[in-house]
């Protein structure tokens, strides 16, 4: 499959097709939340591993929680959005069930710091995302690598993509006893462990 501009890629997404686009960390395999099952099939990934909801703004992401977010989320978002920070917040409803079918009670949220990604997300709306790889294998880091390993997927143009950091995002989750760092990545958050 070839690459296409943001408008055409957004149309493919709206039609339920999975696609690939660059972010500030690693390229993202993405689809609309109601088509999330396609990602687990493509990656050959266990469905108990949840997907991340990526959006162009905090408002778009928080609306998908289908409930009020916990106190303190906004301060963390201001430290890491747009950027390599994923916030895992309590959630309910269809989007949480689609991206986290094993639990359905939380969603990982991220606003990337990539103008190409943000342009696409503005056109497509929020997307279910993950790294571009088969489960257990190293993630693709370039458009050329994606084209070889996943030739059936449409990619965002122009190519080559600006290089991402290659590091996964920092993942911080709300728990009953406060905020916990689940995975330390590119973003450092003082005072959290």
N, C-alpha and C. Protein backbone atom coordinates (compact mmCIF):
# COMPACT_ATOMS: atom_id res chain seq x y z
N UNK A 1 0.86 -1.17 0.00
CA UNK A 1 0.00 0.00 0.00
C UNK A 1 0.91 1.23 0.00
N UNK A 2 0.43 2.28 -0.54
CA UNK A 2 1.23 3.50 -0.64
C UNK A 2 0.91 4.46 0.49
N UNK A 3 1.57 5.59 0.46
CA UNK A 3 1.31 6.62 1.45
C UNK A 3 0.31 7.62 0.88
N UNK A 4 -0.41 8.30 1.77
CA UNK A 4 -1.36 9.31 1.33
C UNK A 4 -1.40 10.45 2.33
N UNK A 5 -1.95 11.57 1.88
CA UNK A 5 -2.00 12.76 2.72
C UNK A 5 -2.99 12.57 3.88
N UNK A 6 -2.98 13.52 4.80
CA UNK A 6 -3.78 13.40 6.03
C UNK A 6 -5.27 13.28 5.74
N UNK A 7 -5.79 14.02 4.77
CA UNK A 7 -7.22 13.96 4.48
C UNK A 7 -7.63 12.57 3.97
N UNK A 8 -6.85 12.02 3.06
CA UNK A 8 -7.18 10.69 2.52
C UNK A 8 -6.98 9.60 3.58
N UNK A 9 -5.96 9.76 4.42
CA UNK A 9 -5.75 8.77 5.48
C UNK A 9 -6.89 8.84 6.49
N UNK A 10 -7.36 10.04 6.82
CA UNK A 10 -8.50 10.19 7.72
C UNK A 10 -9.74 9.52 7.14
N UNK A 11 -9.94 9.63 5.84
CA UNK A 11 -11.09 8.97 5.20
C UNK A 11 -10.98 7.45 5.31
N UNK A 12 -9.78 6.93 5.15
CA UNK A 12 -9.57 5.48 5.31
C UNK A 12 -9.90 5.06 6.74
N UNK A 13 -9.47 5.87 7.70
CA UNK A 13 -9.76 5.57 9.11
C UNK A 13 -11.27 5.57 9.38
N UNK A 14 -11.95 6.57 8.85
CA UNK A 14 -13.40 6.67 9.04
C UNK A 14 -14.11 5.46 8.45
N UNK A 15 -13.53 4.87 7.41
CA UNK A 15 -14.09 3.67 6.80
C UNK A 15 -13.67 2.38 7.51
N UNK A 16 -12.98 2.50 8.66
CA UNK A 16 -12.63 1.34 9.47
C UNK A 16 -11.29 0.71 9.17
N UNK A 17 -10.49 1.35 8.32
CA UNK A 17 -9.20 0.79 7.93
C UNK A 17 -8.11 1.16 8.94
N UNK A 18 -7.23 0.23 9.31
CA UNK A 18 -6.07 0.59 10.13
C UNK A 18 -5.01 1.25 9.25
N UNK A 19 -4.27 2.21 9.81
CA UNK A 19 -3.23 2.96 9.09
C UNK A 19 -2.03 3.17 10.00
N UNK A 20 -0.98 3.76 9.44
CA UNK A 20 0.24 4.04 10.21
C UNK A 20 0.64 5.49 9.99
N UNK A 21 1.06 6.15 11.09
CA UNK A 21 1.54 7.53 10.99
C UNK A 21 2.67 7.75 12.00
N UNK A 22 3.50 8.77 11.76
CA UNK A 22 4.61 9.04 12.68
C UNK A 22 4.12 9.79 13.92
N UNK A 23 4.84 9.60 15.01
CA UNK A 23 4.63 10.41 16.22
C UNK A 23 5.99 10.89 16.70
N UNK A 24 6.01 11.54 17.84
CA UNK A 24 7.27 12.03 18.40
C UNK A 24 8.08 10.92 19.06
N UNK A 25 7.49 9.73 19.25
CA UNK A 25 8.20 8.61 19.86
C UNK A 25 8.46 7.53 18.81
N UNK A 26 7.46 6.70 18.57
CA UNK A 26 7.53 5.64 17.56
C UNK A 26 6.34 5.79 16.62
N UNK A 27 6.43 5.28 15.40
CA UNK A 27 5.26 5.31 14.53
C UNK A 27 4.08 4.58 15.19
N UNK A 28 2.87 5.02 14.86
CA UNK A 28 1.67 4.46 15.47
C UNK A 28 0.86 3.68 14.45
N UNK A 29 0.44 2.49 14.84
CA UNK A 29 -0.57 1.72 14.13
C UNK A 29 -1.89 2.17 14.74
N UNK A 30 -2.84 2.61 13.91
CA UNK A 30 -4.04 3.23 14.44
C UNK A 30 -5.29 2.86 13.66
N UNK A 31 -6.42 2.96 14.36
CA UNK A 31 -7.73 2.83 13.73
C UNK A 31 -8.75 3.51 14.64
N UNK A 32 -9.95 3.66 14.14
CA UNK A 32 -11.01 4.23 14.97
C UNK A 32 -11.29 3.27 16.13
N UNK A 33 -11.70 3.78 17.29
CA UNK A 33 -11.94 2.89 18.44
C UNK A 33 -12.90 1.74 18.15
N UNK A 34 -13.93 1.97 17.33
CA UNK A 34 -14.89 0.89 17.06
C UNK A 34 -14.32 -0.20 16.16
N UNK A 35 -13.11 0.00 15.61
CA UNK A 35 -12.44 -1.00 14.78
C UNK A 35 -11.19 -1.55 15.45
N UNK A 36 -11.05 -1.34 16.75
CA UNK A 36 -9.82 -1.70 17.48
C UNK A 36 -9.45 -3.17 17.35
N UNK A 37 -10.42 -4.04 17.19
CA UNK A 37 -10.12 -5.47 17.07
C UNK A 37 -9.17 -5.74 15.90
N UNK A 38 -9.21 -4.88 14.88
CA UNK A 38 -8.31 -5.06 13.73
C UNK A 38 -6.84 -4.95 14.15
N UNK A 39 -6.56 -4.11 15.13
CA UNK A 39 -5.17 -3.94 15.58
C UNK A 39 -4.66 -5.21 16.24
N UNK A 40 -5.45 -5.79 17.14
CA UNK A 40 -5.00 -7.03 17.79
C UNK A 40 -4.77 -8.13 16.76
N UNK A 41 -5.62 -8.20 15.75
CA UNK A 41 -5.46 -9.21 14.68
C UNK A 41 -4.16 -8.96 13.92
N UNK A 42 -3.94 -7.72 13.49
CA UNK A 42 -2.73 -7.40 12.72
C UNK A 42 -1.45 -7.69 13.50
N UNK A 43 -1.45 -7.31 14.77
CA UNK A 43 -0.24 -7.46 15.58
C UNK A 43 -0.07 -8.87 16.13
N UNK A 44 -1.14 -9.67 16.03
CA UNK A 44 -1.14 -10.99 16.66
C UNK A 44 -0.85 -10.82 18.15
N UNK A 45 -1.59 -9.88 18.73
CA UNK A 45 -1.37 -9.44 20.10
C UNK A 45 -2.53 -9.91 21.00
N UNK A 46 -2.23 -10.36 22.21
CA UNK A 46 -3.30 -10.76 23.12
C UNK A 46 -4.22 -9.58 23.44
N UNK A 47 -5.53 -9.82 23.43
CA UNK A 47 -6.51 -8.75 23.65
C UNK A 47 -6.47 -8.20 25.07
N UNK A 48 -5.81 -8.90 26.00
CA UNK A 48 -5.72 -8.35 27.36
C UNK A 48 -4.70 -7.22 27.47
N UNK A 49 -3.94 -6.96 26.39
CA UNK A 49 -3.02 -5.82 26.37
C UNK A 49 -3.76 -4.64 25.76
N UNK A 50 -4.12 -3.64 26.58
CA UNK A 50 -4.94 -2.53 26.07
C UNK A 50 -4.20 -1.64 25.06
N UNK A 51 -4.99 -0.92 24.28
CA UNK A 51 -4.48 0.05 23.32
C UNK A 51 -4.55 1.45 23.93
N UNK A 52 -3.83 2.39 23.33
CA UNK A 52 -3.81 3.78 23.78
C UNK A 52 -4.76 4.59 22.91
N UNK A 53 -5.49 5.51 23.52
CA UNK A 53 -6.32 6.43 22.77
C UNK A 53 -5.52 7.70 22.55
N UNK A 54 -5.27 8.02 21.28
CA UNK A 54 -4.50 9.21 20.94
C UNK A 54 -5.46 10.25 20.36
N UNK A 55 -5.24 11.51 20.72
CA UNK A 55 -6.09 12.57 20.22
C UNK A 55 -5.32 13.85 19.99
N UNK A 56 -5.96 14.81 19.34
CA UNK A 56 -5.33 16.09 19.03
C UNK A 56 -5.39 17.05 20.21
N UNK A 57 -6.27 16.79 21.20
CA UNK A 57 -6.38 17.70 22.34
C UNK A 57 -6.82 16.95 23.58
N UNK A 58 -6.53 17.55 24.73
CA UNK A 58 -6.98 16.98 26.00
C UNK A 58 -8.49 16.87 26.04
N UNK A 59 -9.18 17.86 25.51
CA UNK A 59 -10.65 17.85 25.53
C UNK A 59 -11.21 16.65 24.78
N UNK A 60 -10.64 16.34 23.61
CA UNK A 60 -11.10 15.18 22.84
C UNK A 60 -10.92 13.89 23.64
N UNK A 61 -9.78 13.77 24.31
CA UNK A 61 -9.48 12.55 25.05
C UNK A 61 -10.33 12.41 26.30
N UNK A 62 -10.46 13.48 27.07
CA UNK A 62 -11.22 13.42 28.32
C UNK A 62 -12.69 13.09 28.04
N UNK A 63 -13.22 13.58 26.93
CA UNK A 63 -14.61 13.27 26.56
C UNK A 63 -14.82 11.77 26.39
N UNK A 64 -13.78 11.05 25.95
CA UNK A 64 -13.89 9.61 25.72
C UNK A 64 -13.93 8.79 27.00
N UNK A 65 -13.57 9.41 28.15
CA UNK A 65 -13.59 8.68 29.42
C UNK A 65 -15.00 8.32 29.85
N UNK A 66 -15.98 9.10 29.42
CA UNK A 66 -17.38 8.90 29.77
C UNK A 66 -17.61 9.04 31.29
N UNK A 67 -16.73 9.78 31.95
CA UNK A 67 -16.86 10.11 33.37
C UNK A 67 -15.86 11.21 33.70
N UNK A 68 -15.99 11.79 34.87
CA UNK A 68 -15.08 12.86 35.29
C UNK A 68 -13.69 12.27 35.58
N UNK A 69 -12.63 12.92 35.11
CA UNK A 69 -11.27 12.43 35.41
C UNK A 69 -10.88 12.75 36.85
N UNK A 70 -9.89 12.03 37.39
CA UNK A 70 -9.45 12.27 38.76
C UNK A 70 -8.72 13.60 38.89
N UNK A 71 -8.70 14.14 40.10
CA UNK A 71 -7.97 15.38 40.35
C UNK A 71 -6.50 15.17 40.05
N UNK A 72 -5.89 16.23 39.51
CA UNK A 72 -4.46 16.18 39.22
C UNK A 72 -4.12 15.80 37.79
N UNK A 73 -5.10 15.30 37.03
CA UNK A 73 -4.79 14.88 35.66
C UNK A 73 -4.33 16.07 34.82
N UNK A 74 -4.95 17.22 35.05
CA UNK A 74 -4.65 18.39 34.22
C UNK A 74 -3.21 18.87 34.43
N UNK A 75 -2.75 18.85 35.68
CA UNK A 75 -1.38 19.26 35.96
C UNK A 75 -0.38 18.34 35.27
N UNK A 76 -0.65 17.03 35.29
CA UNK A 76 0.23 16.09 34.60
C UNK A 76 0.18 16.30 33.08
N UNK A 77 -1.02 16.49 32.56
CA UNK A 77 -1.16 16.72 31.12
C UNK A 77 -0.38 17.96 30.69
N UNK A 78 -0.42 19.01 31.51
CA UNK A 78 0.32 20.23 31.17
C UNK A 78 1.82 19.99 31.14
N UNK A 79 2.31 19.02 31.93
CA UNK A 79 3.74 18.69 31.95
C UNK A 79 4.16 17.85 30.74
N UNK A 80 3.21 17.07 30.18
CA UNK A 80 3.63 16.13 29.15
C UNK A 80 2.84 16.12 27.86
N UNK A 81 1.84 16.98 27.72
CA UNK A 81 1.05 17.03 26.46
C UNK A 81 1.20 18.38 25.81
N UNK A 82 1.37 18.48 24.53
CA UNK A 82 1.66 17.33 23.68
C UNK A 82 3.05 16.78 23.99
N UNK A 83 3.17 15.47 23.87
CA UNK A 83 4.45 14.84 24.15
C UNK A 83 4.32 13.37 24.46
N UNK A 84 5.39 12.83 25.00
CA UNK A 84 5.54 11.39 25.21
C UNK A 84 5.04 10.97 26.60
N UNK A 85 3.84 11.40 26.95
CA UNK A 85 3.23 11.03 28.23
C UNK A 85 1.88 10.38 27.95
N UNK A 86 1.69 9.20 28.52
CA UNK A 86 0.40 8.51 28.47
C UNK A 86 -0.18 8.50 29.87
N UNK A 87 -1.38 9.04 30.00
CA UNK A 87 -2.09 9.02 31.28
C UNK A 87 -3.14 7.93 31.24
N UNK A 88 -3.12 7.02 32.21
CA UNK A 88 -4.12 5.97 32.32
C UNK A 88 -5.12 6.41 33.38
N UNK A 89 -6.35 6.68 32.92
CA UNK A 89 -7.38 7.24 33.79
C UNK A 89 -8.59 6.32 33.86
N UNK A 90 -9.33 6.38 34.97
CA UNK A 90 -10.56 5.58 35.05
C UNK A 90 -11.50 5.98 33.93
N UNK A 91 -12.18 4.98 33.36
CA UNK A 91 -13.08 5.22 32.24
C UNK A 91 -14.19 4.19 32.26
N UNK A 92 -15.24 4.49 31.53
CA UNK A 92 -16.31 3.53 31.32
C UNK A 92 -16.86 3.76 29.92
N UNK A 93 -17.76 2.92 29.48
CA UNK A 93 -18.40 3.14 28.20
C UNK A 93 -17.76 2.39 27.05
N UNK A 94 -18.23 2.70 25.85
CA UNK A 94 -17.88 1.96 24.64
C UNK A 94 -16.40 2.07 24.28
N UNK A 95 -15.81 3.25 24.42
CA UNK A 95 -14.40 3.40 24.03
C UNK A 95 -13.49 2.62 24.98
N UNK A 96 -13.76 2.71 26.27
CA UNK A 96 -12.96 1.94 27.25
C UNK A 96 -13.09 0.45 26.98
N UNK A 97 -14.28 -0.01 26.69
CA UNK A 97 -14.50 -1.43 26.41
C UNK A 97 -13.79 -1.85 25.13
N UNK A 98 -13.78 -0.99 24.12
CA UNK A 98 -13.15 -1.31 22.84
C UNK A 98 -11.63 -1.38 22.93
N UNK A 99 -11.02 -0.49 23.72
CA UNK A 99 -9.56 -0.43 23.79
C UNK A 99 -8.97 -1.24 24.94
N UNK A 100 -9.79 -1.58 25.90
CA UNK A 100 -9.33 -2.32 27.08
C UNK A 100 -10.36 -3.41 27.40
N UNK A 101 -10.56 -4.36 26.47
CA UNK A 101 -11.64 -5.33 26.64
C UNK A 101 -11.49 -6.25 27.85
N UNK A 102 -10.26 -6.46 28.32
CA UNK A 102 -10.07 -7.34 29.48
C UNK A 102 -10.61 -6.71 30.76
N UNK A 103 -10.52 -5.37 30.87
CA UNK A 103 -10.97 -4.69 32.08
C UNK A 103 -12.09 -3.70 31.80
N UNK A 104 -11.90 -2.86 30.79
CA UNK A 104 -12.92 -1.89 30.42
C UNK A 104 -13.15 -0.79 31.44
N UNK A 105 -12.20 -0.63 32.37
CA UNK A 105 -12.39 0.35 33.44
C UNK A 105 -11.36 1.48 33.41
N UNK A 106 -10.51 1.50 32.39
CA UNK A 106 -9.52 2.57 32.28
C UNK A 106 -9.14 2.76 30.81
N UNK A 107 -8.58 3.94 30.54
CA UNK A 107 -8.09 4.25 29.20
C UNK A 107 -6.74 4.95 29.32
N UNK A 108 -5.79 4.55 28.48
CA UNK A 108 -4.54 5.27 28.34
C UNK A 108 -4.72 6.36 27.30
N UNK A 109 -4.38 7.59 27.66
CA UNK A 109 -4.61 8.75 26.79
C UNK A 109 -3.30 9.45 26.46
N UNK A 110 -3.18 9.92 25.21
CA UNK A 110 -1.95 10.63 24.81
C UNK A 110 -2.22 11.64 23.70
N UNK A 111 -1.60 12.82 23.83
CA UNK A 111 -1.57 13.83 22.77
C UNK A 111 -0.11 13.89 22.30
N UNK A 112 0.18 13.45 21.07
CA UNK A 112 1.57 13.42 20.61
C UNK A 112 2.10 14.81 20.25
N UNK A 113 3.42 14.96 20.30
CA UNK A 113 4.07 16.22 19.91
C UNK A 113 4.64 16.06 18.51
N UNK A 114 3.76 15.83 17.56
CA UNK A 114 4.15 15.68 16.15
C UNK A 114 3.12 16.43 15.33
N UNK A 115 3.57 17.41 14.54
CA UNK A 115 2.61 18.18 13.74
C UNK A 115 1.90 17.29 12.72
N UNK A 116 2.59 16.30 12.17
CA UNK A 116 1.95 15.39 11.22
C UNK A 116 0.85 14.58 11.91
N UNK A 117 1.16 14.05 13.09
CA UNK A 117 0.17 13.26 13.84
C UNK A 117 -1.01 14.13 14.26
N UNK A 118 -0.73 15.33 14.75
CA UNK A 118 -1.81 16.21 15.22
C UNK A 118 -2.73 16.63 14.07
N UNK A 119 -2.16 16.87 12.89
CA UNK A 119 -2.99 17.22 11.74
C UNK A 119 -3.93 16.06 11.41
N UNK A 120 -3.41 14.84 11.39
CA UNK A 120 -4.25 13.68 11.11
C UNK A 120 -5.32 13.51 12.19
N UNK A 121 -4.94 13.61 13.46
CA UNK A 121 -5.89 13.42 14.56
C UNK A 121 -6.98 14.49 14.58
N UNK A 122 -6.65 15.69 14.14
CA UNK A 122 -7.66 16.75 14.03
C UNK A 122 -8.70 16.37 12.98
N UNK A 123 -8.27 15.73 11.92
CA UNK A 123 -9.18 15.33 10.84
C UNK A 123 -9.95 14.05 11.17
N UNK A 124 -9.30 13.10 11.84
CA UNK A 124 -9.89 11.78 12.05
C UNK A 124 -10.67 11.66 13.36
N UNK A 125 -10.35 12.50 14.34
CA UNK A 125 -10.86 12.29 15.68
C UNK A 125 -9.94 11.33 16.43
N UNK A 126 -10.30 11.00 17.66
CA UNK A 126 -9.45 10.14 18.49
C UNK A 126 -9.27 8.77 17.83
N UNK A 127 -8.09 8.19 18.07
CA UNK A 127 -7.76 6.90 17.46
C UNK A 127 -7.19 5.92 18.48
N UNK A 128 -7.53 4.65 18.30
CA UNK A 128 -6.89 3.57 19.04
C UNK A 128 -5.52 3.37 18.43
N UNK A 129 -4.47 3.35 19.26
CA UNK A 129 -3.11 3.27 18.73
C UNK A 129 -2.23 2.31 19.53
N UNK A 130 -1.15 1.91 18.88
CA UNK A 130 -0.11 1.10 19.49
C UNK A 130 1.12 1.20 18.57
N UNK A 131 2.22 0.60 18.97
CA UNK A 131 3.41 0.59 18.12
C UNK A 131 3.19 -0.33 16.92
N UNK A 132 3.99 -0.14 15.88
CA UNK A 132 3.85 -0.91 14.64
C UNK A 132 4.82 -2.09 14.69
N UNK A 133 4.31 -3.23 15.09
CA UNK A 133 5.12 -4.45 15.18
C UNK A 133 4.21 -5.63 15.45
N UNK A 134 4.74 -6.81 15.18
CA UNK A 134 4.05 -8.02 15.63
C UNK A 134 4.35 -8.17 17.11
N UNK A 135 3.41 -8.70 17.85
CA UNK A 135 3.57 -8.85 19.30
C UNK A 135 4.88 -9.58 19.62
N UNK A 136 5.66 -8.98 20.52
CA UNK A 136 6.93 -9.57 20.93
C UNK A 136 8.12 -9.21 20.08
N UNK A 137 7.90 -8.51 18.96
CA UNK A 137 9.00 -8.10 18.09
C UNK A 137 9.30 -6.62 18.27
N UNK A 138 10.46 -6.20 17.80
CA UNK A 138 10.84 -4.78 17.87
C UNK A 138 9.91 -3.93 17.02
N UNK A 139 9.65 -2.71 17.48
CA UNK A 139 8.76 -1.79 16.77
C UNK A 139 9.45 -1.20 15.55
N UNK A 140 8.66 -0.96 14.50
CA UNK A 140 9.16 -0.24 13.32
C UNK A 140 9.46 1.20 13.73
N UNK A 141 10.51 1.77 13.17
CA UNK A 141 10.88 3.14 13.51
C UNK A 141 10.84 4.10 12.33
N UNK A 142 10.69 3.57 11.10
CA UNK A 142 10.66 4.42 9.91
C UNK A 142 9.53 3.98 8.98
N UNK A 143 9.15 4.88 8.07
CA UNK A 143 8.14 4.55 7.07
C UNK A 143 8.62 3.41 6.17
N UNK A 144 9.90 3.41 5.82
CA UNK A 144 10.45 2.36 4.97
C UNK A 144 10.33 0.99 5.64
N UNK A 145 10.60 0.94 6.92
CA UNK A 145 10.49 -0.31 7.67
C UNK A 145 9.03 -0.78 7.73
N UNK A 146 8.11 0.16 7.95
CA UNK A 146 6.68 -0.17 7.96
C UNK A 146 6.27 -0.74 6.61
N UNK A 147 6.73 -0.11 5.51
CA UNK A 147 6.36 -0.55 4.17
C UNK A 147 6.80 -1.98 3.90
N UNK A 148 7.92 -2.39 4.46
CA UNK A 148 8.43 -3.75 4.27
C UNK A 148 7.68 -4.74 5.15
N UNK A 149 7.51 -4.42 6.44
CA UNK A 149 6.91 -5.37 7.38
C UNK A 149 5.39 -5.40 7.31
N UNK A 150 4.75 -4.27 6.95
CA UNK A 150 3.29 -4.20 6.87
C UNK A 150 2.87 -3.54 5.55
N UNK A 151 3.16 -4.18 4.41
CA UNK A 151 2.91 -3.55 3.10
C UNK A 151 1.42 -3.29 2.84
N UNK A 152 0.54 -3.96 3.56
CA UNK A 152 -0.90 -3.79 3.34
C UNK A 152 -1.47 -2.54 3.99
N UNK A 153 -0.68 -1.86 4.83
CA UNK A 153 -1.18 -0.69 5.56
C UNK A 153 -0.86 0.62 4.86
N UNK A 154 -1.84 1.50 4.77
CA UNK A 154 -1.61 2.85 4.25
C UNK A 154 -0.82 3.65 5.27
N UNK A 155 0.08 4.51 4.78
CA UNK A 155 0.93 5.33 5.63
C UNK A 155 0.70 6.80 5.34
N UNK A 156 0.95 7.62 6.35
CA UNK A 156 0.83 9.07 6.20
C UNK A 156 2.01 9.61 5.41
N UNK A 157 1.72 10.45 4.43
CA UNK A 157 2.78 11.14 3.69
C UNK A 157 2.90 12.56 4.25
N UNK A 158 4.03 13.23 4.02
CA UNK A 158 5.15 12.84 3.18
C UNK A 158 6.12 11.90 3.90
N UNK A 159 6.86 11.16 3.10
CA UNK A 159 7.92 10.28 3.60
C UNK A 159 9.25 10.75 3.01
N UNK A 160 10.37 10.51 3.65
CA UNK A 160 10.51 9.86 4.95
C UNK A 160 9.97 10.74 6.07
N UNK A 161 9.58 10.09 7.16
CA UNK A 161 9.03 10.81 8.30
C UNK A 161 10.14 11.44 9.14
N UNK A 162 9.81 12.54 9.84
CA UNK A 162 10.78 13.05 10.81
C UNK A 162 11.04 11.95 11.84
N UNK A 163 12.29 11.77 12.25
CA UNK A 163 12.56 10.70 13.20
C UNK A 163 11.92 10.97 14.56
N UNK A 164 11.35 9.92 15.14
CA UNK A 164 10.85 10.00 16.52
C UNK A 164 12.00 9.73 17.46
N UNK A 165 11.72 9.82 18.74
CA UNK A 165 12.76 9.60 19.74
C UNK A 165 13.18 8.13 19.80
N UNK A 166 12.29 7.23 19.37
CA UNK A 166 12.57 5.80 19.48
C UNK A 166 12.27 5.25 20.87
N UNK A 167 11.96 6.14 21.81
CA UNK A 167 11.62 5.73 23.17
C UNK A 167 10.11 5.66 23.32
N UNK A 168 9.65 4.71 24.09
CA UNK A 168 8.22 4.62 24.38
C UNK A 168 7.82 5.78 25.29
N UNK A 169 6.53 6.06 25.34
CA UNK A 169 6.05 7.13 26.22
C UNK A 169 6.14 6.71 27.69
N UNK A 170 6.20 7.70 28.56
CA UNK A 170 6.09 7.45 29.99
C UNK A 170 4.61 7.19 30.27
N UNK A 171 4.32 6.14 31.03
CA UNK A 171 2.94 5.80 31.35
C UNK A 171 2.71 6.02 32.84
N UNK A 172 1.72 6.89 33.15
CA UNK A 172 1.37 7.20 34.53
C UNK A 172 -0.10 6.87 34.72
N UNK A 173 -0.42 6.11 35.77
CA UNK A 173 -1.80 5.67 36.00
C UNK A 173 -2.33 6.20 37.32
N UNK A 174 -3.63 6.51 37.32
CA UNK A 174 -4.33 6.87 38.54
C UNK A 174 -4.74 5.58 39.24
N UNK A 175 -4.37 5.45 40.50
CA UNK A 175 -4.76 4.32 41.35
C UNK A 175 -5.47 4.89 42.57
N UNK A 176 -6.11 4.05 43.33
CA UNK A 176 -6.85 4.53 44.51
C UNK A 176 -5.96 5.27 45.50
N UNK A 177 -4.65 4.94 45.49
CA UNK A 177 -3.72 5.61 46.41
C UNK A 177 -2.89 6.69 45.72
N UNK A 178 -3.31 7.11 44.52
CA UNK A 178 -2.63 8.21 43.85
C UNK A 178 -2.03 7.80 42.51
N UNK A 179 -1.15 8.67 41.99
CA UNK A 179 -0.52 8.48 40.68
C UNK A 179 0.67 7.55 40.79
N UNK A 180 0.79 6.62 39.85
CA UNK A 180 1.91 5.66 39.82
C UNK A 180 2.50 5.62 38.42
N UNK A 181 3.84 5.62 38.34
CA UNK A 181 4.52 5.46 37.06
C UNK A 181 4.54 3.97 36.73
N UNK A 182 3.88 3.59 35.64
CA UNK A 182 3.86 2.19 35.22
C UNK A 182 5.02 1.87 34.30
N UNK A 183 5.44 2.86 33.49
CA UNK A 183 6.58 2.68 32.60
C UNK A 183 7.29 4.01 32.47
N UNK A 184 8.57 4.02 32.80
CA UNK A 184 9.35 5.24 32.63
C UNK A 184 9.83 5.31 31.18
N UNK A 185 9.50 6.39 30.53
CA UNK A 185 9.89 6.59 29.13
C UNK A 185 10.54 7.93 28.97
N UNK A 186 10.19 8.63 27.90
CA UNK A 186 10.84 9.87 27.53
C UNK A 186 10.56 11.03 28.48
N UNK A 187 9.40 11.07 29.11
CA UNK A 187 9.03 12.21 29.97
C UNK A 187 9.37 11.89 31.42
N UNK A 188 10.09 12.80 32.06
CA UNK A 188 10.42 12.67 33.49
C UNK A 188 9.42 13.50 34.30
N UNK A 189 8.81 12.90 35.30
CA UNK A 189 7.84 13.61 36.14
C UNK A 189 8.38 13.64 37.57
N UNK A 190 8.87 14.79 38.01
CA UNK A 190 9.43 14.88 39.35
C UNK A 190 8.40 14.54 40.42
N UNK A 191 8.83 13.78 41.41
CA UNK A 191 7.96 13.46 42.54
C UNK A 191 7.10 12.25 42.35
N UNK A 192 7.15 11.60 41.17
CA UNK A 192 6.36 10.38 40.96
C UNK A 192 7.29 9.21 40.81
N UNK A 193 6.87 8.09 41.38
CA UNK A 193 7.67 6.87 41.25
C UNK A 193 6.81 5.72 40.76
